[in-house]
Structure formats: structure tokens, C-alpha cells
Amino acid sequence: MSITIKTAPELVKMRAAGNLVGRLLVELSRRVKPGVTTRELDDFSRGFFEAAGAVPAFLGYNGYPASICASVNEQVVHGIPGARKLAAGDIVGIDVGAVLDGYVGDAARTFAVGEVSEEARRLMRVTRESLDAGIAAALNNGHVQDIGAAVQAHAEAAGFSVVRDFVGHGIGRKMHEDPQVPNYGRRGLGPRLKAGMTLAIEPMVNAGGLEVEVLSDGWTVLTRDRRLSAHFEDTVIITEGEPEIITRLD
């Protein structure tokens, strides 16, 4: 395992990439509405990044065919944008990444499409809170599994399940760097966290069981029981104090 500690100039570039990703997610939040296709959201995202002098990090990554991931309802992650029109009552997880000046920002949000069920609202709220709990545990001299333990405790206390087949990750010049950052675990285990590390923390939380499966397209991940799933992600910098979230504008 090779975990990189970013220099101050590198962190400046990481912040710029993260800010760009955060700005795109705000723009997408305004465009998610009934009748919009996921391909339209993808086309907008690609143009947004290109206008900023950035490259979509996902496009072509291991053969992935789009600029964003758009995962609707029971789709957990890696949903491929297409002709599907969002409908009132859907929830859609949108994961975006950008390469700007050689560094990557990565974040995800799950959005409600019009009025959604109480279960969907609660799932989205708890998943966002689980992300916040994980970020709060990402402290200098702590351990990677401190993050996952915090995510798992909050999600499971609400009666939901944490996906274990897909995890968060280190990030920097590459989208996926060491260490892996599971959304479950035991405090005090895993690699030591150090100031200057940059991590993408990304809980995927299911309303039902934790089991998932991948569609024949090789990408789209579904809950096996076909119940709802939500996904929130931010890129953070480990500091001497509180972690710095670089993909959130609020």
C-alpha cells in the first residue's frame, strides 16, 4: 500500500478540482426534475467541465461510457446515463468526478425528483448524516476504519444497511488511490490517518438488505432486494484539526 501525503501546492490544486465538482452538483440539483433524462444531465455535466478546462474523470475510466454516474431508485452506484426520464417520486444518486490541472475531485449526492416517499426522504437524510459522521471521524492520527465504523453505526441505528461491496478511496492524481475506505469497520483498525492525506468518503446505504448485484452492462449496481439505495460522497483533506471538505459549497 502506498498512501500519498499531498504537499501544500498539491492541496491547492485538489481544492480547485473539488470546488468544480461541488459547483456542478449544485447546478445538477437545479436540473433534476420530472421528465429530464439522465443523458441530458450527463450532457450538461460534460459541457460544464469542458467549459472550465477540466476533463470528466469517469469518461473512459476502465471503459465507462459516460461523464457522470446516475443511479435511480434501487440502483446503488455506477448507473449509466441514457434515455430514461426521471419521474416524480424517484430518487437519483449522481456521482461526478473532474480532473483539473492533473488532480481529481470526486463527490456524489442523491436528489429527490419531485415529491418522494417518507422512506426515501429518511434514507437520503440518514445517508447524508452517515457521510457527515464518517467525515467527523477522519482525524489526524486516527485510523481508516474509524471512518467506516462511524458510518456503519449511524446507518444501522436507523434500520438501514451499509453496502460492503464498494468502498471509498484515497484520491489525488488518480481517482482511486490507497487506502480503501470501507463504510463499515472497527475503530482503531486500518492504516493511520495523517495530515495531508486526501480521501473520498462515500456511504452507499440501502433501505433493505446490504446485498447487491451488477447488471449485464457490467456497471450498474442494484440492490438485490430491489429496495431503495442512496449515495453521498465528499472529498476531504485530513488536517491537524478538523477534516476539510473540498467538494461542498454550503
C-alpha atoms as a PDB file:
ATOM      1  CA  MET A   1       0.000   0.000   0.000  1.00  0.00           C
ATOM      2  CA  SER A   2       1.307   3.420  -0.979  1.00  0.00           C
ATOM      3  CA  ILE A   3      -0.562   6.298   0.667  1.00  0.00           C
ATOM      4  CA  THR A   4       0.491   9.723  -0.562  1.00  0.00           C
ATOM      5  CA  ILE A   5       0.724  12.810   1.636  1.00  0.00           C
ATOM      6  CA  LYS A   6      -0.070  15.826  -0.513  1.00  0.00           C
ATOM      7  CA  THR A   7       2.125  18.916  -0.475  1.00  0.00           C
ATOM      8  CA  ALA A   8       0.679  22.383   0.044  1.00  0.00           C
ATOM      9  CA  PRO A   9       0.794  23.175  -3.726  1.00  0.00           C
ATOM     10  CA  GLU A  10      -0.914  19.864  -4.462  1.00  0.00           C
ATOM     11  CA  LEU A  11      -3.669  20.646  -1.965  1.00  0.00           C
ATOM     12  CA  VAL A  12      -4.305  23.957  -3.730  1.00  0.00           C
ATOM     13  CA  LYS A  13      -4.970  22.002  -6.924  1.00  0.00           C
ATOM     14  CA  MET A  14      -7.096  19.445  -5.069  1.00  0.00           C
ATOM     15  CA  ARG A  15      -9.253  22.251  -3.667  1.00  0.00           C
ATOM     16  CA  ALA A  16      -9.788  23.695  -7.140  1.00  0.00           C
ATOM     17  CA  ALA A  17     -10.866  20.326  -8.547  1.00  0.00           C
ATOM     18  CA  GLY A  18     -13.112  19.706  -5.556  1.00  0.00           C
ATOM     19  CA  ASN A  19     -14.731  23.116  -5.832  1.00  0.00           C
ATOM     20  CA  LEU A  20     -15.506  22.492  -9.503  1.00  0.00           C
ATOM     21  CA  VAL A  21     -17.214  19.212  -8.653  1.00  0.00           C
ATOM     22  CA  GLY A  22     -19.208  20.894  -5.886  1.00  0.00           C
ATOM     23  CA  ARG A  23     -20.345  23.635  -8.266  1.00  0.00           C
ATOM     24  CA  LEU A  24     -21.523  21.063 -10.806  1.00  0.00           C
ATOM     25  CA  LEU A  25     -23.577  19.237  -8.170  1.00  0.00           C
ATOM     26  CA  VAL A  26     -25.321  22.494  -7.249  1.00  0.00           C
ATOM     27  CA  GLU A  27     -26.149  23.053 -10.926  1.00  0.00           C
ATOM     28  CA  LEU A  28     -27.424  19.484 -11.266  1.00  0.00           C
ATOM     29  CA  SER A  29     -29.642  19.904  -8.189  1.00  0.00           C
ATOM     30  CA  ARG A  30     -31.493  22.605 -10.136  1.00  0.00           C
ATOM     31  CA  ARG A  31     -31.897  20.383 -13.192  1.00  0.00           C
ATOM     32  CA  VAL A  32     -33.156  17.199 -11.538  1.00  0.00           C
ATOM     33  CA  LYS A  33     -36.908  17.248 -12.175  1.00  0.00           C
ATOM     34  CA  PRO A  34     -39.604  15.008 -13.641  1.00  0.00           C
ATOM     35  CA  GLY A  35     -39.221  14.454 -17.389  1.00  0.00           C
ATOM     36  CA  VAL A  36     -35.472  15.115 -17.558  1.00  0.00           C
ATOM     37  CA  THR A  37     -33.415  12.226 -18.918  1.00  0.00           C
ATOM     38  CA  THR A  38     -30.247  11.070 -17.231  1.00  0.00           C
ATOM     39  CA  ARG A  39     -28.471  11.570 -20.571  1.00  0.00           C
ATOM     40  CA  GLU A  40     -29.430  15.256 -20.518  1.00  0.00           C
ATOM     41  CA  LEU A  41     -27.818  15.544 -17.089  1.00  0.00           C
ATOM     42  CA  ASP A  42     -24.724  13.791 -18.449  1.00  0.00           C
ATOM     43  CA  ASP A  43     -24.513  16.085 -21.477  1.00  0.00           C
ATOM     44  CA  PHE A  44     -24.799  19.157 -19.261  1.00  0.00           C
ATOM     45  CA  SER A  45     -22.088  17.848 -16.932  1.00  0.00           C
ATOM     46  CA  ARG A  46     -19.661  17.152 -19.749  1.00  0.00           C
ATOM     47  CA  GLY A  47     -20.113  20.645 -21.132  1.00  0.00           C
ATOM     48  CA  PHE A  48     -19.773  22.196 -17.668  1.00  0.00           C
ATOM     49  CA  PHE A  49     -16.436  20.516 -17.063  1.00  0.00           C
ATOM     50  CA  GLU A  50     -15.097  21.249 -20.544  1.00  0.00           C
ATOM     51  CA  ALA A  51     -16.019  24.935 -20.202  1.00  0.00           C
ATOM     52  CA  ALA A  52     -13.959  25.020 -17.008  1.00  0.00           C
ATOM     53  CA  GLY A  53     -10.930  23.455 -18.684  1.00  0.00           C
ATOM     54  CA  ALA A  54     -11.448  20.134 -16.892  1.00  0.00           C
ATOM     55  CA  VAL A  55     -11.919  16.561 -18.077  1.00  0.00           C
ATOM     56  CA  PRO A  56     -14.694  14.285 -16.751  1.00  0.00           C
ATOM     57  CA  ALA A  57     -12.815  11.791 -14.589  1.00  0.00           C
ATOM     58  CA  PHE A  58     -15.265   8.967 -15.278  1.00  0.00           C
ATOM     59  CA  LEU A  59     -15.446   9.178 -19.077  1.00  0.00           C
ATOM     60  CA  GLY A  60     -13.477   6.233 -20.451  1.00  0.00           C
ATOM     61  CA  TYR A  61     -12.338   5.122 -16.981  1.00  0.00           C
ATOM     62  CA  ASN A  62     -11.945   1.347 -17.360  1.00  0.00           C
ATOM     63  CA  GLY A  63     -14.220   1.735 -20.358  1.00  0.00           C
ATOM     64  CA  TYR A  64     -17.044   3.621 -18.603  1.00  0.00           C
ATOM     65  CA  PRO A  65     -19.093   5.297 -21.359  1.00  0.00           C
ATOM     66  CA  ALA A  66     -20.357   8.495 -19.706  1.00  0.00           C
ATOM     67  CA  SER A  67     -19.259  11.614 -17.814  1.00  0.00           C
ATOM     68  CA  ILE A  68     -21.313  11.025 -14.663  1.00  0.00           C
ATOM     69  CA  CYS A  69     -22.993   8.103 -12.923  1.00  0.00           C
ATOM     70  CA  ALA A  70     -26.772   8.443 -12.481  1.00  0.00           C
ATOM     71  CA  SER A  71     -28.310   5.719 -10.315  1.00  0.00           C
ATOM     72  CA  VAL A  72     -32.100   5.726  -9.917  1.00  0.00           C
ATOM     73  CA  ASN A  73     -34.079   4.194  -7.019  1.00  0.00           C
ATOM     74  CA  GLU A  74     -32.803   0.608  -6.488  1.00  0.00           C
ATOM     75  CA  GLN A  75     -29.625   1.365  -8.445  1.00  0.00           C
ATOM     76  CA  VAL A  76     -26.824   1.748  -5.892  1.00  0.00           C
ATOM     77  CA  VAL A  77     -23.957   3.193  -7.958  1.00  0.00           C
ATOM     78  CA  HIS A  78     -22.479   3.293 -11.479  1.00  0.00           C
ATOM     79  CA  GLY A  79     -25.786   3.759 -13.297  1.00  0.00           C
ATOM     80  CA  ILE A  80     -25.094   4.663 -16.935  1.00  0.00           C
ATOM     81  CA  PRO A  81     -26.969   7.767 -18.153  1.00  0.00           C
ATOM     82  CA  GLY A  82     -29.362   7.161 -21.024  1.00  0.00           C
ATOM     83  CA  ALA A  83     -32.872   7.798 -22.327  1.00  0.00           C
ATOM     84  CA  ARG A  84     -34.606   7.093 -19.003  1.00  0.00           C
ATOM     85  CA  LYS A  85     -36.759  10.015 -17.916  1.00  0.00           C
ATOM     86  CA  LEU A  86     -36.829  10.815 -14.240  1.00  0.00           C
ATOM     87  CA  ALA A  87     -40.311  10.558 -12.750  1.00  0.00           C
ATOM     88  CA  ALA A  88     -41.887  12.192  -9.726  1.00  0.00           C
ATOM     89  CA  GLY A  89     -41.180  10.012  -6.708  1.00  0.00           C
ATOM     90  CA  ASP A  90     -37.795   8.791  -7.962  1.00  0.00           C
ATOM     91  CA  ILE A  91     -34.547   9.373  -6.158  1.00  0.00           C
ATOM     92  CA  VAL A  92     -31.359   9.661  -8.217  1.00  0.00           C
ATOM     93  CA  GLY A  93     -27.787   9.358  -6.976  1.00  0.00           C
ATOM     94  CA  ILE A  94     -25.413  11.407  -9.128  1.00  0.00           C
ATOM     95  CA  ASP A  95     -21.680  10.776  -8.814  1.00  0.00           C
ATOM     96  CA  VAL A  96     -19.327  13.200 -10.552  1.00  0.00           C
ATOM     97  CA  GLY A  97     -15.567  13.482 -10.890  1.00  0.00           C
ATOM     98  CA  ALA A  98     -13.321  16.002 -12.610  1.00  0.00           C
ATOM     99  CA  VAL A  99      -9.649  16.132 -13.484  1.00  0.00           C
ATOM    100  CA  LEU A 100      -8.425  19.731 -13.283  1.00  0.00           C
ATOM    101  CA  ASP A 101      -4.750  20.632 -13.648  1.00  0.00           C
ATOM    102  CA  GLY A 102      -3.812  16.998 -13.075  1.00  0.00           C
ATOM    103  CA  TYR A 103      -5.789  16.439  -9.853  1.00  0.00           C
ATOM    104  CA  VAL A 104      -9.140  14.785  -9.240  1.00  0.00           C
ATOM    105  CA  GLY A 105     -12.221  15.881  -7.326  1.00  0.00           C
ATOM    106  CA  ASP A 106     -14.995  13.346  -6.655  1.00  0.00           C
ATOM    107  CA  ALA A 107     -18.381  13.719  -4.966  1.00  0.00           C
ATOM    108  CA  ALA A 108     -21.934  12.403  -5.075  1.00  0.00           C
ATOM    109  CA  ARG A 109     -25.388  13.467  -3.952  1.00  0.00           C
ATOM    110  CA  THR A 110     -28.773  11.752  -4.003  1.00  0.00           C
ATOM    111  CA  PHE A 111     -31.620  14.001  -5.125  1.00  0.00           C
ATOM    112  CA  ALA A 112     -35.378  13.701  -4.780  1.00  0.00           C
ATOM    113  CA  VAL A 113     -37.358  14.021  -8.018  1.00  0.00           C
ATOM    114  CA  GLY A 114     -40.463  15.954  -7.038  1.00  0.00           C
ATOM    115  CA  GLU A 115     -42.307  14.598  -4.006  1.00  0.00           C
ATOM    116  CA  VAL A 116     -40.880  11.308  -2.724  1.00  0.00           C
ATOM    117  CA  SER A 117     -41.939   8.791  -0.100  1.00  0.00           C
ATOM    118  CA  GLU A 118     -41.223   9.182   3.590  1.00  0.00           C
ATOM    119  CA  GLU A 119     -38.888   6.169   3.370  1.00  0.00           C
ATOM    120  CA  ALA A 120     -36.930   7.810   0.550  1.00  0.00           C
ATOM    121  CA  ARG A 121     -36.639  11.088   2.453  1.00  0.00           C
ATOM    122  CA  ARG A 122     -35.445   9.304   5.570  1.00  0.00           C
ATOM    123  CA  LEU A 123     -32.977   7.169   3.626  1.00  0.00           C
ATOM    124  CA  MET A 124     -31.438  10.224   1.969  1.00  0.00           C
ATOM    125  CA  ARG A 125     -31.252  12.106   5.273  1.00  0.00           C
ATOM    126  CA  VAL A 126     -29.646   9.225   7.150  1.00  0.00           C
ATOM    127  CA  THR A 127     -27.139   8.578   4.341  1.00  0.00           C
ATOM    128  CA  ARG A 128     -26.091  12.239   4.340  1.00  0.00           C
ATOM    129  CA  GLU A 129     -25.791  12.127   8.132  1.00  0.00           C
ATOM    130  CA  SER A 130     -23.729   8.936   7.836  1.00  0.00           C
ATOM    131  CA  LEU A 131     -21.351  10.739   5.496  1.00  0.00           C
ATOM    132  CA  ASP A 132     -21.065  13.600   7.987  1.00  0.00           C
ATOM    133  CA  ALA A 133     -20.354  11.110  10.779  1.00  0.00           C
ATOM    134  CA  GLY A 134     -17.656   9.444   8.709  1.00  0.00           C
ATOM    135  CA  ILE A 135     -16.045  12.758   7.850  1.00  0.00           C
ATOM    136  CA  ALA A 136     -16.080  13.836  11.502  1.00  0.00           C
ATOM    137  CA  ALA A 137     -14.135  10.660  12.335  1.00  0.00           C
ATOM    138  CA  ALA A 138     -11.434  11.351   9.709  1.00  0.00           C
ATOM    139  CA  LEU A 139      -8.929  12.797  12.153  1.00  0.00           C
ATOM    140  CA  ASN A 140      -5.155  13.072  12.136  1.00  0.00           C
ATOM    141  CA  ASN A 141      -3.582  10.085  13.955  1.00  0.00           C
ATOM    142  CA  GLY A 142      -6.855   8.175  13.810  1.00  0.00           C
ATOM    143  CA  HIS A 143      -7.418   5.094  11.665  1.00  0.00           C
ATOM    144  CA  VAL A 144      -9.181   4.471   8.377  1.00  0.00           C
ATOM    145  CA  GLN A 145     -11.712   2.128   9.976  1.00  0.00           C
ATOM    146  CA  ASP A 146     -12.742   4.890  12.387  1.00  0.00           C
ATOM    147  CA  ILE A 147     -14.498   6.406   9.368  1.00  0.00           C
ATOM    148  CA  GLY A 148     -16.345   3.254   8.413  1.00  0.00           C
ATOM    149  CA  ALA A 149     -17.300   2.472  11.999  1.00  0.00           C
ATOM    150  CA  ALA A 150     -18.953   5.889  12.306  1.00  0.00           C
ATOM    151  CA  VAL A 151     -20.817   5.481   9.001  1.00  0.00           C
ATOM    152  CA  GLN A 152     -21.986   1.976   9.891  1.00  0.00           C
ATOM    153  CA  ALA A 153     -23.146   2.899  13.391  1.00  0.00           C
ATOM    154  CA  HIS A 154     -25.309   5.780  12.191  1.00  0.00           C
ATOM    155  CA  ALA A 155     -26.860   3.969   9.223  1.00  0.00           C
ATOM    156  CA  GLU A 156     -27.595   0.763  11.093  1.00  0.00           C
ATOM    157  CA  ALA A 157     -29.049   2.610  14.095  1.00  0.00           C
ATOM    158  CA  ALA A 158     -31.689   3.917  11.672  1.00  0.00           C
ATOM    159  CA  GLY A 159     -32.514   0.399  10.495  1.00  0.00           C
ATOM    160  CA  PHE A 160     -30.685   0.639   7.169  1.00  0.00           C
ATOM    161  CA  SER A 161     -27.872  -1.455   5.645  1.00  0.00           C
ATOM    162  CA  VAL A 162     -24.420  -0.337   4.527  1.00  0.00           C
ATOM    163  CA  VAL A 163     -23.117  -1.671   1.197  1.00  0.00           C
ATOM    164  CA  ARG A 164     -19.846  -3.545   1.653  1.00  0.00           C
ATOM    165  CA  ASP A 165     -19.014  -4.480  -1.946  1.00  0.00           C
ATOM    166  CA  PHE A 166     -17.992  -0.903  -2.854  1.00  0.00           C
ATOM    167  CA  VAL A 167     -15.909   1.484  -0.760  1.00  0.00           C
ATOM    168  CA  GLY A 168     -14.416   4.944  -0.592  1.00  0.00           C
ATOM    169  CA  HIS A 169     -10.802   5.583  -1.506  1.00  0.00           C
ATOM    170  CA  GLY A 170      -7.766   7.760  -1.494  1.00  0.00           C
ATOM    171  CA  ILE A 171      -7.717  10.358  -4.273  1.00  0.00           C
ATOM    172  CA  GLY A 172      -5.231  12.753  -5.863  1.00  0.00           C
ATOM    173  CA  ARG A 173      -3.510  12.492  -9.207  1.00  0.00           C
ATOM    174  CA  LYS A 174      -5.553   9.332  -9.705  1.00  0.00           C
ATOM    175  CA  MET A 175      -9.229   8.902  -8.932  1.00  0.00           C
ATOM    176  CA  HIS A 176      -8.600   5.729  -6.938  1.00  0.00           C
ATOM    177  CA  GLU A 177      -5.534   5.719  -4.703  1.00  0.00           C
ATOM    178  CA  ASP A 178      -4.681   3.950  -1.460  1.00  0.00           C
ATOM    179  CA  PRO A 179      -6.146   3.492   1.046  1.00  0.00           C
ATOM    180  CA  GLN A 180      -9.530   1.890   0.518  1.00  0.00           C
ATOM    181  CA  VAL A 181     -12.082   3.475   2.873  1.00  0.00           C
ATOM    182  CA  PRO A 182     -14.832   0.970   3.767  1.00  0.00           C
ATOM    183  CA  ASN A 183     -18.166   2.210   5.102  1.00  0.00           C
ATOM    184  CA  TYR A 184     -18.027  -0.313   7.943  1.00  0.00           C
ATOM    185  CA  GLY A 185     -15.369  -1.432  10.399  1.00  0.00           C
ATOM    186  CA  ARG A 186     -13.996  -1.223  13.913  1.00  0.00           C
ATOM    187  CA  ARG A 187     -12.429   1.838  15.445  1.00  0.00           C
ATOM    188  CA  GLY A 188      -8.681   1.684  15.844  1.00  0.00           C
ATOM    189  CA  LEU A 189      -8.075  -0.581  12.862  1.00  0.00           C
ATOM    190  CA  GLY A 190      -6.685   0.099   9.395  1.00  0.00           C
ATOM    191  CA  PRO A 191      -3.970   2.455   8.182  1.00  0.00           C
ATOM    192  CA  ARG A 192      -3.144   5.506  10.273  1.00  0.00           C
ATOM    193  CA  LEU A 193      -4.631   8.806   9.094  1.00  0.00           C
ATOM    194  CA  LYS A 194      -2.127  11.614   8.627  1.00  0.00           C
ATOM    195  CA  ALA A 195      -2.468  15.315   7.808  1.00  0.00           C
ATOM    196  CA  GLY A 196      -2.148  15.842   4.063  1.00  0.00           C
ATOM    197  CA  MET A 197      -3.956  12.662   3.088  1.00  0.00           C
ATOM    198  CA  THR A 198      -6.911  13.168   0.738  1.00  0.00           C
ATOM    199  CA  LEU A 199      -9.852  10.777   0.827  1.00  0.00           C
ATOM    200  CA  ALA A 200     -13.153  10.291  -0.975  1.00  0.00           C
ATOM    201  CA  ILE A 201     -15.623   9.134   1.673  1.00  0.00           C
ATOM    202  CA  GLU A 202     -18.823   7.734   0.170  1.00  0.00           C
ATOM    203  CA  PRO A 203     -21.502   5.848   2.083  1.00  0.00           C
ATOM    204  CA  MET A 204     -23.893   3.746  -0.004  1.00  0.00           C
ATOM    205  CA  VAL A 205     -26.871   2.900   2.195  1.00  0.00           C
ATOM    206  CA  ASN A 206     -29.770   0.557   1.384  1.00  0.00           C
ATOM    207  CA  ALA A 207     -33.310   0.674   2.726  1.00  0.00           C
ATOM    208  CA  GLY A 208     -33.325  -3.125   2.803  1.00  0.00           C
ATOM    209  CA  GLY A 209     -30.520  -5.674   2.832  1.00  0.00           C
ATOM    210  CA  LEU A 210     -26.876  -4.958   2.061  1.00  0.00           C
ATOM    211  CA  GLU A 211     -26.632  -7.456  -0.831  1.00  0.00           C
ATOM    212  CA  VAL A 212     -26.104  -6.026  -4.321  1.00  0.00           C
ATOM    213  CA  GLU A 213     -25.668  -7.329  -7.861  1.00  0.00           C
ATOM    214  CA  VAL A 214     -24.272  -5.955 -11.109  1.00  0.00           C
ATOM    215  CA  LEU A 215     -26.354  -5.779 -14.289  1.00  0.00           C
ATOM    216  CA  SER A 216     -25.233  -7.333 -17.567  1.00  0.00           C
ATOM    217  CA  ASP A 217     -23.923  -3.910 -18.702  1.00  0.00           C
ATOM    218  CA  GLY A 218     -21.023  -4.591 -16.332  1.00  0.00           C
ATOM    219  CA  TRP A 219     -21.530  -1.327 -14.448  1.00  0.00           C
ATOM    220  CA  THR A 220     -24.957  -0.700 -12.945  1.00  0.00           C
ATOM    221  CA  VAL A 221     -25.164  -1.965  -9.359  1.00  0.00           C
ATOM    222  CA  LEU A 222     -28.619  -2.818  -7.945  1.00  0.00           C
ATOM    223  CA  THR A 223     -29.878  -3.763  -4.515  1.00  0.00           C
ATOM    224  CA  ARG A 224     -30.623  -7.466  -4.663  1.00  0.00           C
ATOM    225  CA  ASP A 225     -33.994  -6.974  -2.963  1.00  0.00           C
ATOM    226  CA  ARG A 226     -34.763  -4.019  -5.287  1.00  0.00           C
ATOM    227  CA  ARG A 227     -35.381  -1.639  -2.415  1.00  0.00           C
ATOM    228  CA  LEU A 228     -34.102   1.936  -2.499  1.00  0.00           C
ATOM    229  CA  SER A 229     -30.456   2.941  -2.137  1.00  0.00           C
ATOM    230  CA  ALA A 230     -28.827   6.336  -1.521  1.00  0.00           C
ATOM    231  CA  HIS A 231     -25.261   7.550  -2.092  1.00  0.00           C
ATOM    232  CA  PHE A 232     -23.468  10.626  -0.757  1.00  0.00           C
ATOM    233  CA  GLU A 233     -19.763  11.388  -1.196  1.00  0.00           C
ATOM    234  CA  ASP A 234     -17.280  14.165  -0.496  1.00  0.00           C
ATOM    235  CA  THR A 235     -13.548  14.575  -0.991  1.00  0.00           C
ATOM    236  CA  VAL A 236     -11.796  15.619   2.217  1.00  0.00           C
ATOM    237  CA  ILE A 237      -8.321  16.651   3.345  1.00  0.00           C
ATOM    238  CA  ILE A 238      -7.014  15.288   6.637  1.00  0.00           C
ATOM    239  CA  THR A 239      -5.613  18.234   8.613  1.00  0.00           C
ATOM    240  CA  GLU A 240      -4.057  18.766  12.028  1.00  0.00           C
ATOM    241  CA  GLY A 241      -7.568  19.660  13.215  1.00  0.00           C
ATOM    242  CA  GLU A 242     -11.000  19.050  11.688  1.00  0.00           C
ATOM    243  CA  PRO A 243     -11.127  17.471   8.227  1.00  0.00           C
ATOM    244  CA  GLU A 244     -11.528  19.944   5.368  1.00  0.00           C
ATOM    245  CA  ILE A 245     -14.352  19.155   2.932  1.00  0.00           C
ATOM    246  CA  ILE A 246     -13.354  20.449  -0.509  1.00  0.00           C
ATOM    247  CA  THR A 247     -16.370  19.366  -2.598  1.00  0.00           C
ATOM    248  CA  ARG A 248     -19.108  21.157  -0.644  1.00  0.00           C
ATOM    249  CA  LEU A 249     -20.125  24.738  -1.270  1.00  0.00           C
ATOM    250  CA  ASP A 250     -22.528  25.053   1.666  1.00  0.00           C
END
